[in-house]
Structure formats: structure tokens, C-alpha cells
Amino acid sequence: MIEEEKTGNFSALYEKDSAVDQEITVTLRPGALTEYIGQDKVVETLKIAIEAALQRQEPLEHILFNGPPGLGKTTLAHIIAHEMGTRIVTFLGPALEKGGELMGLLTHLEKGGIFFID
């Protein structure tokens, strides 16, 4: 059985087993825009866009995050998926070798799903 334990802004997923070993995975990434620290203008813009899309019952428009590592692009992509209530598909950019691979991935994406190239 997998259980989630929330402590402050951290959540720990662990598998309860009668055996001695317990695997613990701690996620330090925020799960919602209200928990995200920094990038205030970006967060405010995303809040407005997400609220508007949800009210219109439409998918969020295309978004492009650009910048060096460590700015929170991946975290924001996962937060957007959570806030929109949709699934995210993450793909590593260097692994894309042929255009056909990208087309195959996009055709299997559900409506409103998020495709994130890292």
C-alpha cells in the first residue's frame, strides 16, 4: 500500500510493507502555484491564464519557458498540469532524433494534455 504523508510544504510518498525495508521518496518541488516561491510576475501571469482557461473550460494556450537550468521551468510545467487537472508528458529534448518521433508523441496526447520538452 502506498501512502502519502504531508508535512508542511513537503510530501513524502512511502510504501508500507510488513517487511523491515521502507522506501521513502521526498518531493521538494511545490505542487501548486500558491506554494511556488520566486518568479512573481510569471506566477501571477500563469494564475490569471489558468483561471481564465478553467472558467472557459478550455485548454491553456501554448506556453514557452526559456532560460538556463535552475529557474523552475520543469516545476512550473508540472504545477500547470496539476492546476489544470490534466496529465503531463515529459520528453528529453536531446532524445528527439527524428521529427516523426515528435509527431507520434503529439498524436497520442490527450486533449488539454501538457507536452513538456526538457
PDB file of N, CA and C in Angstrom:
ATOM      1  N   MET A   1       0.847  -1.163   0.000  1.00  0.00           N
ATOM      2  CA  MET A   1       0.000   0.000   0.000  1.00  0.00           C
ATOM      3  C   MET A   1       0.898   1.232   0.000  1.00  0.00           C
ATOM      4  N   ILE A   2       0.595   2.209  -0.870  1.00  0.00           N
ATOM      5  CA  ILE A   2       1.359   3.449  -0.913  1.00  0.00           C
ATOM      6  C   ILE A   2       0.549   4.515  -0.211  1.00  0.00           C
ATOM      7  N   GLU A   3       1.190   5.227   0.684  1.00  0.00           N
ATOM      8  CA  GLU A   3       0.517   6.290   1.413  1.00  0.00           C
ATOM      9  C   GLU A   3       1.284   7.582   1.220  1.00  0.00           C
ATOM     10  N   GLU A   4       0.561   8.684   1.289  1.00  0.00           N
ATOM     11  CA  GLU A   4       1.178   9.993   1.167  1.00  0.00           C
ATOM     12  C   GLU A   4       1.069  10.700   2.504  1.00  0.00           C
ATOM     13  N   GLU A   5       2.163  11.256   2.924  1.00  0.00           N
ATOM     14  CA  GLU A   5       2.186  11.993   4.180  1.00  0.00           C
ATOM     15  C   GLU A   5       2.579  13.418   3.870  1.00  0.00           C
ATOM     16  N   LYS A   6       1.764  14.374   4.274  1.00  0.00           N
ATOM     17  CA  LYS A   6       2.072  15.778   4.028  1.00  0.00           C
ATOM     18  C   LYS A   6       2.522  16.419   5.320  1.00  0.00           C
ATOM     19  N   THR A   7       3.672  17.070   5.224  1.00  0.00           N
ATOM     20  CA  THR A   7       4.215  17.779   6.361  1.00  0.00           C
ATOM     21  C   THR A   7       4.616  19.158   5.874  1.00  0.00           C
ATOM     22  N   GLY A   8       3.870  20.163   6.190  1.00  0.00           N
ATOM     23  CA  GLY A   8       4.171  21.500   5.701  1.00  0.00           C
ATOM     24  C   GLY A   8       4.061  21.524   4.184  1.00  0.00           C
ATOM     25  N   ASN A   9       5.114  21.997   3.526  1.00  0.00           N
ATOM     26  CA  ASN A   9       5.128  22.062   2.072  1.00  0.00           C
ATOM     27  C   ASN A   9       5.734  20.813   1.464  1.00  0.00           C
ATOM     28  N   PHE A  10       6.094  19.858   2.267  1.00  0.00           N
ATOM     29  CA  PHE A  10       6.731  18.650   1.777  1.00  0.00           C
ATOM     30  C   PHE A  10       5.741  17.505   1.815  1.00  0.00           C
ATOM     31  N   SER A  11       5.830  16.635   0.850  1.00  0.00           N
ATOM     32  CA  SER A  11       5.025  15.425   0.932  1.00  0.00           C
ATOM     33  C   SER A  11       5.947  14.249   0.715  1.00  0.00           C
ATOM     34  N   ALA A  12       5.759  13.246   1.474  1.00  0.00           N
ATOM     35  CA  ALA A  12       6.588  12.056   1.377  1.00  0.00           C
ATOM     36  C   ALA A  12       5.711  10.890   0.954  1.00  0.00           C
ATOM     37  N   LEU A  13       6.135  10.201  -0.077  1.00  0.00           N
ATOM     38  CA  LEU A  13       5.436   9.003  -0.501  1.00  0.00           C
ATOM     39  C   LEU A  13       6.238   7.820   0.008  1.00  0.00           C
ATOM     40  N   TYR A  14       5.587   6.922   0.664  1.00  0.00           N
ATOM     41  CA  TYR A  14       6.300   5.749   1.135  1.00  0.00           C
ATOM     42  C   TYR A  14       5.398   4.545   1.025  1.00  0.00           C
ATOM     43  N   GLU A  15       6.042   3.426   0.842  1.00  0.00           N
ATOM     44  CA  GLU A  15       5.305   2.186   0.699  1.00  0.00           C
ATOM     45  C   GLU A  15       5.332   1.460   2.032  1.00  0.00           C
ATOM     46  N   LYS A  16       4.146   1.200   2.561  1.00  0.00           N
ATOM     47  CA  LYS A  16       4.051   0.470   3.822  1.00  0.00           C
ATOM     48  C   LYS A  16       4.102  -1.009   3.515  1.00  0.00           C
ATOM     49  N   ASP A  17       4.975  -1.682   4.202  1.00  0.00           N
ATOM     50  CA  ASP A  17       5.144  -3.107   3.984  1.00  0.00           C
ATOM     51  C   ASP A  17       5.413  -3.731   5.343  1.00  0.00           C
ATOM     52  N   SER A  18       5.045  -4.982   5.486  1.00  0.00           N
ATOM     53  CA  SER A  18       5.305  -5.659   6.751  1.00  0.00           C
ATOM     54  C   SER A  18       6.786  -5.964   6.897  1.00  0.00           C
ATOM     55  N   ALA A  19       7.530  -5.876   5.783  1.00  0.00           N
ATOM     56  CA  ALA A  19       8.970  -6.106   5.843  1.00  0.00           C
ATOM     57  C   ALA A  19       9.651  -4.917   6.517  1.00  0.00           C
ATOM     58  N   VAL A  20      10.901  -5.093   6.868  1.00  0.00           N
ATOM     59  CA  VAL A  20      11.649  -4.059   7.574  1.00  0.00           C
ATOM     60  C   VAL A  20      11.939  -2.868   6.674  1.00  0.00           C
ATOM     61  N   ASP A  21      12.179  -3.136   5.391  1.00  0.00           N
ATOM     62  CA  ASP A  21      12.559  -2.070   4.463  1.00  0.00           C
ATOM     63  C   ASP A  21      11.374  -1.192   4.101  1.00  0.00           C
ATOM     64  N   GLN A  22      11.579   0.107   4.149  1.00  0.00           N
ATOM     65  CA  GLN A  22      10.588   1.068   3.688  1.00  0.00           C
ATOM     66  C   GLN A  22      11.300   2.022   2.746  1.00  0.00           C
ATOM     67  N   GLU A  23      10.739   2.175   1.548  1.00  0.00           N
ATOM     68  CA  GLU A  23      11.322   3.090   0.577  1.00  0.00           C
ATOM     69  C   GLU A  23      10.653   4.440   0.749  1.00  0.00           C
ATOM     70  N   ILE A  24      11.458   5.472   0.913  1.00  0.00           N
ATOM     71  CA  ILE A  24      10.920   6.805   1.141  1.00  0.00           C
ATOM     72  C   ILE A  24      11.391   7.722   0.019  1.00  0.00           C
ATOM     73  N   THR A  25      10.443   8.412  -0.583  1.00  0.00           N
ATOM     74  CA  THR A  25      10.750   9.389  -1.609  1.00  0.00           C
ATOM     75  C   THR A  25      10.169  10.718  -1.158  1.00  0.00           C
ATOM     76  N   VAL A  26      11.010  11.737  -1.037  1.00  0.00           N
ATOM     77  CA  VAL A  26      10.560  13.047  -0.608  1.00  0.00           C
ATOM     78  C   VAL A  26      10.633  13.995  -1.798  1.00  0.00           C
ATOM     79  N   THR A  27       9.550  14.692  -2.061  1.00  0.00           N
ATOM     80  CA  THR A  27       9.499  15.650  -3.140  1.00  0.00           C
ATOM     81  C   THR A  27       9.594  17.045  -2.557  1.00  0.00           C
ATOM     82  N   LEU A  28      10.581  17.787  -3.029  1.00  0.00           N
ATOM     83  CA  LEU A  28      10.754  19.147  -2.536  1.00  0.00           C
ATOM     84  C   LEU A  28      10.123  20.178  -3.460  1.00  0.00           C
ATOM     85  N   ARG A  29       9.667  19.740  -4.635  1.00  0.00           N
ATOM     86  CA  ARG A  29       9.048  20.669  -5.578  1.00  0.00           C
ATOM     87  C   ARG A  29       7.652  21.052  -5.096  1.00  0.00           C
ATOM     88  N   PRO A  30       7.282  22.314  -5.257  1.00  0.00           N
ATOM     89  CA  PRO A  30       5.922  22.711  -4.894  1.00  0.00           C
ATOM     90  C   PRO A  30       4.915  22.079  -5.844  1.00  0.00           C
ATOM     91  N   GLY A  31       3.717  21.845  -5.365  1.00  0.00           N
ATOM     92  CA  GLY A  31       2.689  21.209  -6.174  1.00  0.00           C
ATOM     93  C   GLY A  31       1.627  22.165  -6.684  1.00  0.00           C
ATOM     94  N   ALA A  32       1.674  23.414  -6.237  1.00  0.00           N
ATOM     95  CA  ALA A  32       0.668  24.400  -6.637  1.00  0.00           C
ATOM     96  C   ALA A  32       1.331  25.769  -6.760  1.00  0.00           C
ATOM     97  N   LEU A  33       0.699  26.653  -7.523  1.00  0.00           N
ATOM     98  CA  LEU A  33       1.265  27.999  -7.694  1.00  0.00           C
ATOM     99  C   LEU A  33       1.357  28.747  -6.373  1.00  0.00           C
ATOM    100  N   THR A  34       0.445  28.464  -5.452  1.00  0.00           N
ATOM    101  CA  THR A  34       0.483  29.147  -4.152  1.00  0.00           C
ATOM    102  C   THR A  34       1.710  28.746  -3.340  1.00  0.00           C
ATOM    103  N   GLU A  35       2.311  27.605  -3.656  1.00  0.00           N
ATOM    104  CA  GLU A  35       3.497  27.128  -2.940  1.00  0.00           C
ATOM    105  C   GLU A  35       4.798  27.542  -3.630  1.00  0.00           C
ATOM    106  N   TYR A  36       4.697  28.044  -4.857  1.00  0.00           N
ATOM    107  CA  TYR A  36       5.880  28.380  -5.657  1.00  0.00           C
ATOM    108  C   TYR A  36       6.480  29.691  -5.162  1.00  0.00           C
ATOM    109  N   ILE A  37       7.778  29.703  -4.942  1.00  0.00           N
ATOM    110  CA  ILE A  37       8.462  30.892  -4.438  1.00  0.00           C
ATOM    111  C   ILE A  37       9.359  31.439  -5.537  1.00  0.00           C
ATOM    112  N   GLY A  38       9.261  32.747  -5.781  1.00  0.00           N
ATOM    113  CA  GLY A  38      10.067  33.392  -6.810  1.00  0.00           C
ATOM    114  C   GLY A  38       9.282  33.570  -8.091  1.00  0.00           C
ATOM    115  N   GLN A  39       9.902  34.243  -9.073  1.00  0.00           N
ATOM    116  CA  GLN A  39       9.292  34.474 -10.383  1.00  0.00           C
ATOM    117  C   GLN A  39       7.881  35.061 -10.241  1.00  0.00           C
ATOM    118  N   ASP A  40       7.748  36.080  -9.390  1.00  0.00           N
ATOM    119  CA  ASP A  40       6.426  36.617  -9.050  1.00  0.00           C
ATOM    120  C   ASP A  40       5.596  37.031 -10.269  1.00  0.00           C
ATOM    121  N   LYS A  41       6.219  37.699 -11.237  1.00  0.00           N
ATOM    122  CA  LYS A  41       5.467  38.142 -12.421  1.00  0.00           C
ATOM    123  C   LYS A  41       4.993  36.953 -13.246  1.00  0.00           C
ATOM    124  N   VAL A  42       5.855  35.946 -13.390  1.00  0.00           N
ATOM    125  CA  VAL A  42       5.497  34.748 -14.146  1.00  0.00           C
ATOM    126  C   VAL A  42       4.354  34.024 -13.450  1.00  0.00           C
ATOM    127  N   VAL A  43       4.450  33.865 -12.140  1.00  0.00           N
ATOM    128  CA  VAL A  43       3.419  33.160 -11.370  1.00  0.00           C
ATOM    129  C   VAL A  43       2.088  33.892 -11.477  1.00  0.00           C
ATOM    130  N   GLU A  44       2.095  35.206 -11.351  1.00  0.00           N
ATOM    131  CA  GLU A  44       0.858  35.975 -11.440  1.00  0.00           C
ATOM    132  C   GLU A  44       0.230  35.845 -12.825  1.00  0.00           C
ATOM    133  N   THR A  45       1.041  35.908 -13.867  1.00  0.00           N
ATOM    134  CA  THR A  45       0.543  35.746 -15.234  1.00  0.00           C
ATOM    135  C   THR A  45      -0.049  34.353 -15.435  1.00  0.00           C
ATOM    136  N   LEU A  46       0.631  33.332 -14.908  1.00  0.00           N
ATOM    137  CA  LEU A  46       0.127  31.969 -15.022  1.00  0.00           C
ATOM    138  C   LEU A  46      -1.186  31.783 -14.257  1.00  0.00           C
ATOM    139  N   LYS A  47      -1.290  32.375 -13.076  1.00  0.00           N
ATOM    140  CA  LYS A  47      -2.533  32.283 -12.294  1.00  0.00           C
ATOM    141  C   LYS A  47      -3.706  32.818 -13.104  1.00  0.00           C
ATOM    142  N   ILE A  48      -3.519  33.979 -13.710  1.00  0.00           N
ATOM    143  CA  ILE A  48      -4.581  34.604 -14.497  1.00  0.00           C
ATOM    144  C   ILE A  48      -4.943  33.731 -15.696  1.00  0.00           C
ATOM    145  N   ALA A  49      -3.931  33.240 -16.401  1.00  0.00           N
ATOM    146  CA  ALA A  49      -4.165  32.413 -17.591  1.00  0.00           C
ATOM    147  C   ALA A  49      -4.872  31.106 -17.232  1.00  0.00           C
ATOM    148  N   ILE A  50      -4.447  30.476 -16.152  1.00  0.00           N
ATOM    149  CA  ILE A  50      -5.053  29.210 -15.725  1.00  0.00           C
ATOM    150  C   ILE A  50      -6.497  29.424 -15.296  1.00  0.00           C
ATOM    151  N   GLU A  51      -6.746  30.463 -14.488  1.00  0.00           N
ATOM    152  CA  GLU A  51      -8.111  30.752 -14.040  1.00  0.00           C
ATOM    153  C   GLU A  51      -9.028  31.026 -15.227  1.00  0.00           C
ATOM    154  N   ALA A  52      -8.529  31.789 -16.204  1.00  0.00           N
ATOM    155  CA  ALA A  52      -9.337  32.114 -17.386  1.00  0.00           C
ATOM    156  C   ALA A  52      -9.644  30.857 -18.199  1.00  0.00           C
ATOM    157  N   ALA A  53      -8.635  30.015 -18.391  1.00  0.00           N
ATOM    158  CA  ALA A  53      -8.846  28.779 -19.159  1.00  0.00           C
ATOM    159  C   ALA A  53      -9.835  27.858 -18.451  1.00  0.00           C
ATOM    160  N   LEU A  54      -9.724  27.758 -17.139  1.00  0.00           N
ATOM    161  CA  LEU A  54     -10.645  26.911 -16.384  1.00  0.00           C
ATOM    162  C   LEU A  54     -12.081  27.452 -16.455  1.00  0.00           C
ATOM    163  N   GLN A  55     -12.237  28.763 -16.368  1.00  0.00           N
ATOM    164  CA  GLN A  55     -13.571  29.356 -16.453  1.00  0.00           C
ATOM    165  C   GLN A  55     -14.183  29.144 -17.832  1.00  0.00           C
ATOM    166  N   ARG A  56     -13.349  29.197 -18.884  1.00  0.00           N
ATOM    167  CA  ARG A  56     -13.836  28.974 -20.253  1.00  0.00           C
ATOM    168  C   ARG A  56     -13.977  27.492 -20.564  1.00  0.00           C
ATOM    169  N   GLN A  57     -13.487  26.653 -19.644  1.00  0.00           N
ATOM    170  CA  GLN A  57     -13.465  25.202 -19.839  1.00  0.00           C
ATOM    171  C   GLN A  57     -12.730  24.845 -21.133  1.00  0.00           C
ATOM    172  N   GLU A  58     -11.569  25.476 -21.315  1.00  0.00           N
ATOM    173  CA  GLU A  58     -10.726  25.249 -22.478  1.00  0.00           C
ATOM    174  C   GLU A  58      -9.313  24.931 -22.010  1.00  0.00           C
ATOM    175  N   PRO A  59      -8.529  24.292 -22.876  1.00  0.00           N
ATOM    176  CA  PRO A  59      -7.122  24.058 -22.525  1.00  0.00           C
ATOM    177  C   PRO A  59      -6.361  25.381 -22.467  1.00  0.00           C
ATOM    178  N   LEU A  60      -5.306  25.387 -21.734  1.00  0.00           N
ATOM    179  CA  LEU A  60      -4.427  26.557 -21.647  1.00  0.00           C
ATOM    180  C   LEU A  60      -3.708  26.737 -22.972  1.00  0.00           C
ATOM    181  N   GLU A  61      -3.506  27.969 -23.384  1.00  0.00           N
ATOM    182  CA  GLU A  61      -2.780  28.237 -24.628  1.00  0.00           C
ATOM    183  C   GLU A  61      -1.334  27.759 -24.506  1.00  0.00           C
ATOM    184  N   HIS A  62      -0.645  27.704 -25.625  1.00  0.00           N
ATOM    185  CA  HIS A  62       0.751  27.282 -25.640  1.00  0.00           C
ATOM    186  C   HIS A  62       1.607  28.225 -24.806  1.00  0.00           C
ATOM    187  N   ILE A  63       2.555  27.647 -24.089  1.00  0.00           N
ATOM    188  CA  ILE A  63       3.463  28.427 -23.252  1.00  0.00           C
ATOM    189  C   ILE A  63       4.877  27.962 -23.541  1.00  0.00           C
ATOM    190  N   LEU A  64       5.799  28.900 -23.651  1.00  0.00           N
ATOM    191  CA  LEU A  64       7.202  28.567 -23.877  1.00  0.00           C
ATOM    192  C   LEU A  64       8.017  29.125 -22.714  1.00  0.00           C
ATOM    193  N   PHE A  65       8.660  28.227 -21.969  1.00  0.00           N
ATOM    194  CA  PHE A  65       9.578  28.640 -20.906  1.00  0.00           C
ATOM    195  C   PHE A  65      10.985  28.521 -21.473  1.00  0.00           C
ATOM    196  N   ASN A  66      11.788  29.554 -21.292  1.00  0.00           N
ATOM    197  CA  ASN A  66      13.137  29.553 -21.819  1.00  0.00           C
ATOM    198  C   ASN A  66      14.074  30.131 -20.765  1.00  0.00           C
ATOM    199  N   GLY A  67      15.243  29.535 -20.628  1.00  0.00           N
ATOM    200  CA  GLY A  67      16.217  30.058 -19.685  1.00  0.00           C
ATOM    201  C   GLY A  67      17.170  28.977 -19.225  1.00  0.00           C
ATOM    202  N   PRO A  68      18.182  29.381 -18.484  1.00  0.00           N
ATOM    203  CA  PRO A  68      19.175  28.416 -18.007  1.00  0.00           C
ATOM    204  C   PRO A  68      18.590  27.470 -16.957  1.00  0.00           C
ATOM    205  N   PRO A  69      19.292  26.377 -16.688  1.00  0.00           N
ATOM    206  CA  PRO A  69      18.821  25.419 -15.673  1.00  0.00           C
ATOM    207  C   PRO A  69      18.656  26.087 -14.303  1.00  0.00           C
ATOM    208  N   GLY A  70      17.683  25.596 -13.552  1.00  0.00           N
ATOM    209  CA  GLY A  70      17.520  26.052 -12.178  1.00  0.00           C
ATOM    210  C   GLY A  70      16.522  27.173 -11.975  1.00  0.00           C
ATOM    211  N   LEU A  71      15.837  27.598 -13.032  1.00  0.00           N
ATOM    212  CA  LEU A  71      14.872  28.691 -12.891  1.00  0.00           C
ATOM    213  C   LEU A  71      13.469  28.225 -12.549  1.00  0.00           C
ATOM    214  N   GLY A  72      13.221  26.915 -12.650  1.00  0.00           N
ATOM    215  CA  GLY A  72      11.913  26.389 -12.279  1.00  0.00           C
ATOM    216  C   GLY A  72      11.006  26.056 -13.444  1.00  0.00           C
ATOM    217  N   LYS A  73      11.549  25.915 -14.642  1.00  0.00           N
ATOM    218  CA  LYS A  73      10.728  25.623 -15.819  1.00  0.00           C
ATOM    219  C   LYS A  73       9.996  24.285 -15.674  1.00  0.00           C
ATOM    220  N   THR A  74      10.706  23.258 -15.271  1.00  0.00           N
ATOM    221  CA  THR A  74      10.103  21.934 -15.101  1.00  0.00           C
ATOM    222  C   THR A  74       9.060  21.958 -13.994  1.00  0.00           C
ATOM    223  N   THR A  75       9.383  22.598 -12.901  1.00  0.00           N
ATOM    224  CA  THR A  75       8.446  22.697 -11.778  1.00  0.00           C
ATOM    225  C   THR A  75       7.171  23.412 -12.205  1.00  0.00           C
ATOM    226  N   LEU A  76       7.315  24.518 -12.931  1.00  0.00           N
ATOM    227  CA  LEU A  76       6.132  25.258 -13.382  1.00  0.00           C
ATOM    228  C   LEU A  76       5.282  24.423 -14.339  1.00  0.00           C
ATOM    229  N   ALA A  77       5.918  23.655 -15.209  1.00  0.00           N
ATOM    230  CA  ALA A  77       5.165  22.802 -16.133  1.00  0.00           C
ATOM    231  C   ALA A  77       4.338  21.779 -15.371  1.00  0.00           C
ATOM    232  N   HIS A  78       4.926  21.184 -14.342  1.00  0.00           N
ATOM    233  CA  HIS A  78       4.197  20.202 -13.535  1.00  0.00           C
ATOM    234  C   HIS A  78       3.082  20.859 -12.718  1.00  0.00           C
ATOM    235  N   ILE A  79       3.329  22.061 -12.237  1.00  0.00           N
ATOM    236  CA  ILE A  79       2.304  22.794 -11.495  1.00  0.00           C
ATOM    237  C   ILE A  79       1.134  23.130 -12.413  1.00  0.00           C
ATOM    238  N   ILE A  80       1.419  23.563 -13.637  1.00  0.00           N
ATOM    239  CA  ILE A  80       0.360  23.898 -14.585  1.00  0.00           C
ATOM    240  C   ILE A  80      -0.510  22.669 -14.840  1.00  0.00           C
ATOM    241  N   ALA A  81       0.120  21.524 -15.044  1.00  0.00           N
ATOM    242  CA  ALA A  81      -0.638  20.288 -15.272  1.00  0.00           C
ATOM    243  C   ALA A  81      -1.535  19.990 -14.072  1.00  0.00           C
ATOM    244  N   HIS A  82      -0.999  20.145 -12.880  1.00  0.00           N
ATOM    245  CA  HIS A  82      -1.777  19.895 -11.656  1.00  0.00           C
ATOM    246  C   HIS A  82      -2.939  20.864 -11.548  1.00  0.00           C
ATOM    247  N   GLU A  83      -2.667  22.154 -11.758  1.00  0.00           N
ATOM    248  CA  GLU A  83      -3.705  23.181 -11.626  1.00  0.00           C
ATOM    249  C   GLU A  83      -4.798  23.003 -12.683  1.00  0.00           C
ATOM    250  N   MET A  84      -4.423  22.548 -13.868  1.00  0.00           N
ATOM    251  CA  MET A  84      -5.389  22.357 -14.957  1.00  0.00           C
ATOM    252  C   MET A  84      -6.085  21.005 -14.852  1.00  0.00           C
ATOM    253  N   GLY A  85      -5.594  20.137 -13.974  1.00  0.00           N
ATOM    254  CA  GLY A  85      -6.210  18.824 -13.799  1.00  0.00           C
ATOM    255  C   GLY A  85      -5.977  17.916 -14.990  1.00  0.00           C
ATOM    256  N   THR A  86      -4.819  18.008 -15.583  1.00  0.00           N
ATOM    257  CA  THR A  86      -4.510  17.208 -16.756  1.00  0.00           C
ATOM    258  C   THR A  86      -3.184  16.481 -16.582  1.00  0.00           C
ATOM    259  N   ARG A  87      -2.888  15.622 -17.540  1.00  0.00           N
ATOM    260  CA  ARG A  87      -1.673  14.820 -17.489  1.00  0.00           C
ATOM    261  C   ARG A  87      -0.546  15.548 -18.219  1.00  0.00           C
ATOM    262  N   ILE A  88       0.671  15.364 -17.748  1.00  0.00           N
ATOM    263  CA  ILE A  88       1.843  15.940 -18.398  1.00  0.00           C
ATOM    264  C   ILE A  88       2.702  14.810 -18.950  1.00  0.00           C
ATOM    265  N   VAL A  89       3.183  15.009 -20.162  1.00  0.00           N
ATOM    266  CA  VAL A  89       4.125  14.076 -20.783  1.00  0.00           C
ATOM    267  C   VAL A  89       5.431  14.844 -20.935  1.00  0.00           C
ATOM    268  N   THR A  90       6.488  14.344 -20.320  1.00  0.00           N
ATOM    269  CA  THR A  90       7.791  14.988 -20.370  1.00  0.00           C
ATOM    270  C   THR A  90       8.715  14.200 -21.274  1.00  0.00           C
ATOM    271  N   PHE A  91       9.430  14.912 -22.118  1.00  0.00           N
ATOM    272  CA  PHE A  91      10.361  14.278 -23.044  1.00  0.00           C
ATOM    273  C   PHE A  91      11.663  15.055 -23.012  1.00  0.00           C
ATOM    274  N   LEU A  92      12.782  14.346 -23.030  1.00  0.00           N
ATOM    275  CA  LEU A  92      14.092  14.991 -23.040  1.00  0.00           C
ATOM    276  C   LEU A  92      14.431  15.423 -24.461  1.00  0.00           C
ATOM    277  N   GLY A  93      14.686  16.703 -24.654  1.00  0.00           N
ATOM    278  CA  GLY A  93      14.969  17.264 -25.969  1.00  0.00           C
ATOM    279  C   GLY A  93      16.064  16.554 -26.737  1.00  0.00           C
ATOM    280  N   PRO A  94      17.220  16.270 -26.115  1.00  0.00           N
ATOM    281  CA  PRO A  94      18.299  15.609 -26.846  1.00  0.00           C
ATOM    282  C   PRO A  94      17.927  14.211 -27.352  1.00  0.00           C
ATOM    283  N   ALA A  95      16.904  13.605 -26.770  1.00  0.00           N
ATOM    284  CA  ALA A  95      16.492  12.262 -27.191  1.00  0.00           C
ATOM    285  C   ALA A  95      15.657  12.303 -28.474  1.00  0.00           C
ATOM    286  N   LEU A  96      15.187  13.493 -28.842  1.00  0.00           N
ATOM    287  CA  LEU A  96      14.419  13.624 -30.081  1.00  0.00           C
ATOM    288  C   LEU A  96      15.386  13.608 -31.261  1.00  0.00           C
ATOM    289  N   GLU A  97      15.328  12.556 -32.035  1.00  0.00           N
ATOM    290  CA  GLU A  97      16.245  12.442 -33.163  1.00  0.00           C
ATOM    291  C   GLU A  97      15.564  12.667 -34.500  1.00  0.00           C
ATOM    292  N   LYS A  98      14.299  12.318 -34.595  1.00  0.00           N
ATOM    293  CA  LYS A  98      13.568  12.440 -35.855  1.00  0.00           C
ATOM    294  C   LYS A  98      12.259  13.176 -35.613  1.00  0.00           C
ATOM    295  N   GLY A  99      11.836  13.952 -36.603  1.00  0.00           N
ATOM    296  CA  GLY A  99      10.575  14.675 -36.497  1.00  0.00           C
ATOM    297  C   GLY A  99       9.393  13.747 -36.325  1.00  0.00           C
ATOM    298  N   GLY A 100       9.480  12.551 -36.887  1.00  0.00           N
ATOM    299  CA  GLY A 100       8.397  11.586 -36.776  1.00  0.00           C
ATOM    300  C   GLY A 100       8.146  11.166 -35.345  1.00  0.00           C
ATOM    301  N   GLU A 101       9.200  11.120 -34.529  1.00  0.00           N
ATOM    302  CA  GLU A 101       9.048  10.765 -33.113  1.00  0.00           C
ATOM    303  C   GLU A 101       8.171  11.803 -32.411  1.00  0.00           C
ATOM    304  N   LEU A 102       8.437  13.049 -32.696  1.00  0.00           N
ATOM    305  CA  LEU A 102       7.669  14.130 -32.085  1.00  0.00           C
ATOM    306  C   LEU A 102       6.211  14.059 -32.514  1.00  0.00           C
ATOM    307  N   MET A 103       5.963  13.807 -33.786  1.00  0.00           N
ATOM    308  CA  MET A 103       4.585  13.701 -34.283  1.00  0.00           C
ATOM    309  C   MET A 103       3.857  12.539 -33.618  1.00  0.00           C
ATOM    310  N   GLY A 104       4.552  11.429 -33.428  1.00  0.00           N
ATOM    311  CA  GLY A 104       3.945  10.279 -32.757  1.00  0.00           C
ATOM    312  C   GLY A 104       3.555  10.593 -31.333  1.00  0.00           C
ATOM    313  N   LEU A 105       4.415  11.321 -30.627  1.00  0.00           N
ATOM    314  CA  LEU A 105       4.118  11.689 -29.244  1.00  0.00           C
ATOM    315  C   LEU A 105       2.939  12.651 -29.167  1.00  0.00           C
ATOM    316  N   LEU A 106       2.905  13.608 -30.072  1.00  0.00           N
ATOM    317  CA  LEU A 106       1.844  14.611 -30.048  1.00  0.00           C
ATOM    318  C   LEU A 106       0.484  14.033 -30.435  1.00  0.00           C
ATOM    319  N   THR A 107       0.468  13.057 -31.327  1.00  0.00           N
ATOM    320  CA  THR A 107      -0.816  12.489 -31.736  1.00  0.00           C
ATOM    321  C   THR A 107      -1.455  11.647 -30.628  1.00  0.00           C
ATOM    322  N   HIS A 108      -0.654  11.178 -29.693  1.00  0.00           N
ATOM    323  CA  HIS A 108      -1.194  10.375 -28.588  1.00  0.00           C
ATOM    324  C   HIS A 108      -1.474  11.202 -27.337  1.00  0.00           C
ATOM    325  N   LEU A 109      -1.275  12.512 -27.435  1.00  0.00           N
ATOM    326  CA  LEU A 109      -1.526  13.395 -26.299  1.00  0.00           C
ATOM    327  C   LEU A 109      -3.034  13.629 -26.162  1.00  0.00           C
ATOM    328  N   GLU A 110      -3.553  13.496 -24.949  1.00  0.00           N
ATOM    329  CA  GLU A 110      -4.980  13.717 -24.732  1.00  0.00           C
ATOM    330  C   GLU A 110      -5.312  15.204 -24.854  1.00  0.00           C
ATOM    331  N   LYS A 111      -6.571  15.503 -25.149  1.00  0.00           N
ATOM    332  CA  LYS A 111      -7.000  16.893 -25.298  1.00  0.00           C
ATOM    333  C   LYS A 111      -6.733  17.645 -23.991  1.00  0.00           C
ATOM    334  N   GLY A 112      -6.065  18.775 -24.103  1.00  0.00           N
ATOM    335  CA  GLY A 112      -5.738  19.574 -22.936  1.00  0.00           C
ATOM    336  C   GLY A 112      -4.506  19.098 -22.202  1.00  0.00           C
ATOM    337  N   GLY A 113      -3.910  17.986 -22.657  1.00  0.00           N
ATOM    338  CA  GLY A 113      -2.702  17.462 -22.023  1.00  0.00           C
ATOM    339  C   GLY A 113      -1.510  18.391 -22.240  1.00  0.00           C
ATOM    340  N   ILE A 114      -0.536  18.253 -21.417  1.00  0.00           N
ATOM    341  CA  ILE A 114       0.662  19.088 -21.500  1.00  0.00           C
ATOM    342  C   ILE A 114       1.830  18.256 -21.991  1.00  0.00           C
ATOM    343  N   PHE A 115       2.482  18.762 -23.018  1.00  0.00           N
ATOM    344  CA  PHE A 115       3.679  18.124 -23.569  1.00  0.00           C
ATOM    345  C   PHE A 115       4.851  19.028 -23.221  1.00  0.00           C
ATOM    346  N   PHE A 116       5.776  18.522 -22.416  1.00  0.00           N
ATOM    347  CA  PHE A 116       6.901  19.319 -21.937  1.00  0.00           C
ATOM    348  C   PHE A 116       8.198  18.730 -22.457  1.00  0.00           C
ATOM    349  N   ILE A 117       8.930  19.517 -23.235  1.00  0.00           N
ATOM    350  CA  ILE A 117      10.244  19.093 -23.705  1.00  0.00           C
ATOM    351  C   ILE A 117      11.273  19.727 -22.794  1.00  0.00           C
ATOM    352  N   ASP A 118      12.015  18.897 -22.106  1.00  0.00           N
ATOM    353  CA  ASP A 118      13.031  19.378 -21.163  1.00  0.00           C
ATOM    354  C   ASP A 118      14.382  19.362 -21.830  1.00  0.00           C
TER     355      ASP A 118
END
